[in-house]
Amino acid sequence: MDSSLELAAPSQPPSGGINTEGLADFLRTFFAPLFLVVVSIVALFFLFTREITRFVQFIILAIAIGVIFYVPNIIEVTAKAIAGALGIK
């Protein structure tokens, strides 16, 4: 009976915390090509349907989102800023 209670007890998290080293680089290399493909397909759709206003709006939005993927350290800086605003060290 005691061994089953020990197994049911919550385990302690690792003393060093969660290792997120290289997470931003992984996300950037995984999502950036996918992002470019989606942007290309949608942009071509807007051009072929001659919706120039929506095309321009989409390109501006795509550039803003693309900055997140291609500017070095933007994810880390943003995450630290959000954590600091929330009071997390």
C-alpha atoms as a PDB file:
ATOM      1  CA  MET A   1       0.000   0.000   0.000  1.00  0.00           C
ATOM      2  CA  ASP A   2       2.827   2.401   0.839  1.00  0.00           C
ATOM      3  CA  SER A   3       4.526   1.875  -2.529  1.00  0.00           C
ATOM      4  CA  SER A   4       1.342   2.812  -4.425  1.00  0.00           C
ATOM      5  CA  LEU A   5       1.068   6.003  -2.381  1.00  0.00           C
ATOM      6  CA  GLU A   6       4.661   6.855  -3.191  1.00  0.00           C
ATOM      7  CA  LEU A   7       3.999   6.361  -6.900  1.00  0.00           C
ATOM      8  CA  ALA A   8       0.911   8.582  -6.734  1.00  0.00           C
ATOM      9  CA  ALA A   9       2.824  11.411  -5.050  1.00  0.00           C
ATOM     10  CA  PRO A  10       3.755  14.335  -7.327  1.00  0.00           C
ATOM     11  CA  SER A  11       7.353  14.357  -8.461  1.00  0.00           C
ATOM     12  CA  GLN A  12       9.687  17.274  -7.974  1.00  0.00           C
ATOM     13  CA  PRO A  13      10.556  19.367 -11.053  1.00  0.00           C
ATOM     14  CA  PRO A  14      14.194  19.397 -12.179  1.00  0.00           C
ATOM     15  CA  SER A  15      16.312  21.717 -10.060  1.00  0.00           C
ATOM     16  CA  GLY A  16      17.570  23.689 -13.069  1.00  0.00           C
ATOM     17  CA  GLY A  17      14.113  24.270 -14.540  1.00  0.00           C
ATOM     18  CA  ILE A  18      13.027  23.545 -18.087  1.00  0.00           C
ATOM     19  CA  ASN A  19      15.778  23.785 -20.690  1.00  0.00           C
ATOM     20  CA  THR A  20      14.572  25.979 -23.558  1.00  0.00           C
ATOM     21  CA  GLU A  21      17.988  26.459 -25.133  1.00  0.00           C
ATOM     22  CA  GLY A  22      17.573  26.623 -28.880  1.00  0.00           C
ATOM     23  CA  LEU A  23      13.776  26.644 -28.791  1.00  0.00           C
ATOM     24  CA  ALA A  24      13.537  29.923 -30.707  1.00  0.00           C
ATOM     25  CA  ASP A  25      15.911  28.657 -33.389  1.00  0.00           C
ATOM     26  CA  PHE A  26      13.915  25.455 -33.727  1.00  0.00           C
ATOM     27  CA  LEU A  27      10.643  27.367 -34.072  1.00  0.00           C
ATOM     28  CA  ARG A  28      12.208  29.752 -36.569  1.00  0.00           C
ATOM     29  CA  THR A  29      13.578  26.963 -38.773  1.00  0.00           C
ATOM     30  CA  PHE A  30      10.325  24.986 -38.548  1.00  0.00           C
ATOM     31  CA  PHE A  31       7.723  27.694 -39.117  1.00  0.00           C
ATOM     32  CA  ALA A  32       9.555  30.161 -41.374  1.00  0.00           C
ATOM     33  CA  PRO A  33       9.467  28.042 -44.568  1.00  0.00           C
ATOM     34  CA  LEU A  34       5.864  27.077 -43.861  1.00  0.00           C
ATOM     35  CA  PHE A  35       5.037  30.748 -43.396  1.00  0.00           C
ATOM     36  CA  LEU A  36       6.636  31.656 -46.727  1.00  0.00           C
ATOM     37  CA  VAL A  37       4.658  28.987 -48.574  1.00  0.00           C
ATOM     38  CA  VAL A  38       1.355  30.130 -47.076  1.00  0.00           C
ATOM     39  CA  VAL A  39       2.121  33.797 -47.792  1.00  0.00           C
ATOM     40  CA  SER A  40       3.019  32.982 -51.392  1.00  0.00           C
ATOM     41  CA  ILE A  41      -0.149  30.989 -52.023  1.00  0.00           C
ATOM     42  CA  VAL A  42      -2.446  33.600 -50.481  1.00  0.00           C
ATOM     43  CA  ALA A  43      -0.670  36.463 -52.275  1.00  0.00           C
ATOM     44  CA  LEU A  44      -1.045  34.709 -55.616  1.00  0.00           C
ATOM     45  CA  PHE A  45      -4.733  34.135 -54.894  1.00  0.00           C
ATOM     46  CA  PHE A  46      -5.282  37.843 -54.224  1.00  0.00           C
ATOM     47  CA  LEU A  47      -3.371  38.807 -57.355  1.00  0.00           C
ATOM     48  CA  PHE A  48      -5.256  36.406 -59.622  1.00  0.00           C
ATOM     49  CA  THR A  49      -8.621  37.538 -58.274  1.00  0.00           C
ATOM     50  CA  ARG A  50      -7.526  41.168 -58.743  1.00  0.00           C
ATOM     51  CA  GLU A  51      -8.203  42.163 -55.149  1.00  0.00           C
ATOM     52  CA  ILE A  52      -5.381  44.667 -54.936  1.00  0.00           C
ATOM     53  CA  THR A  53      -6.567  46.310 -51.704  1.00  0.00           C
ATOM     54  CA  ARG A  54      -6.687  43.004 -49.852  1.00  0.00           C
ATOM     55  CA  PHE A  55      -3.351  42.031 -51.412  1.00  0.00           C
ATOM     56  CA  VAL A  56      -1.690  45.177 -50.044  1.00  0.00           C
ATOM     57  CA  GLN A  57      -3.255  44.659 -46.608  1.00  0.00           C
ATOM     58  CA  PHE A  58      -2.114  41.046 -46.586  1.00  0.00           C
ATOM     59  CA  ILE A  59       1.454  41.921 -47.606  1.00  0.00           C
ATOM     60  CA  ILE A  60       1.710  44.518 -44.832  1.00  0.00           C
ATOM     61  CA  LEU A  61       0.457  41.974 -42.294  1.00  0.00           C
ATOM     62  CA  ALA A  62       2.784  39.298 -43.693  1.00  0.00           C
ATOM     63  CA  ILE A  63       5.788  41.606 -43.377  1.00  0.00           C
ATOM     64  CA  ALA A  64       4.889  42.397 -39.759  1.00  0.00           C
ATOM     65  CA  ILE A  65       4.553  38.701 -38.930  1.00  0.00           C
ATOM     66  CA  GLY A  66       7.689  37.857 -40.934  1.00  0.00           C
ATOM     67  CA  VAL A  67       9.727  40.179 -38.731  1.00  0.00           C
ATOM     68  CA  ILE A  68       8.966  37.842 -35.820  1.00  0.00           C
ATOM     69  CA  PHE A  69      10.516  34.906 -37.683  1.00  0.00           C
ATOM     70  CA  TYR A  70      13.518  36.557 -39.291  1.00  0.00           C
ATOM     71  CA  VAL A  71      14.777  39.222 -36.860  1.00  0.00           C
ATOM     72  CA  PRO A  72      17.326  37.601 -34.536  1.00  0.00           C
ATOM     73  CA  ASN A  73      16.368  37.383 -30.855  1.00  0.00           C
ATOM     74  CA  ILE A  74      12.957  39.042 -31.321  1.00  0.00           C
ATOM     75  CA  ILE A  75      11.199  36.044 -29.762  1.00  0.00           C
ATOM     76  CA  GLU A  76      13.501  36.020 -26.728  1.00  0.00           C
ATOM     77  CA  VAL A  77      13.245  39.783 -26.221  1.00  0.00           C
ATOM     78  CA  THR A  78       9.463  39.691 -26.524  1.00  0.00           C
ATOM     79  CA  ALA A  79       9.162  36.731 -24.143  1.00  0.00           C
ATOM     80  CA  LYS A  80      11.390  38.462 -21.552  1.00  0.00           C
ATOM     81  CA  ALA A  81       9.372  41.667 -21.889  1.00  0.00           C
ATOM     82  CA  ILE A  82       6.075  39.833 -21.386  1.00  0.00           C
ATOM     83  CA  ALA A  83       7.488  37.897 -18.431  1.00  0.00           C
ATOM     84  CA  GLY A  84       8.794  41.128 -16.915  1.00  0.00           C
ATOM     85  CA  ALA A  85       5.430  42.818 -17.376  1.00  0.00           C
ATOM     86  CA  LEU A  86       3.754  39.904 -15.622  1.00  0.00           C
ATOM     87  CA  GLY A  87       6.255  40.044 -12.777  1.00  0.00           C
ATOM     88  CA  ILE A  88       7.920  36.725 -13.583  1.00  0.00           C
ATOM     89  CA  LYS A  89      11.678  36.611 -13.140  1.00  0.00           C
END
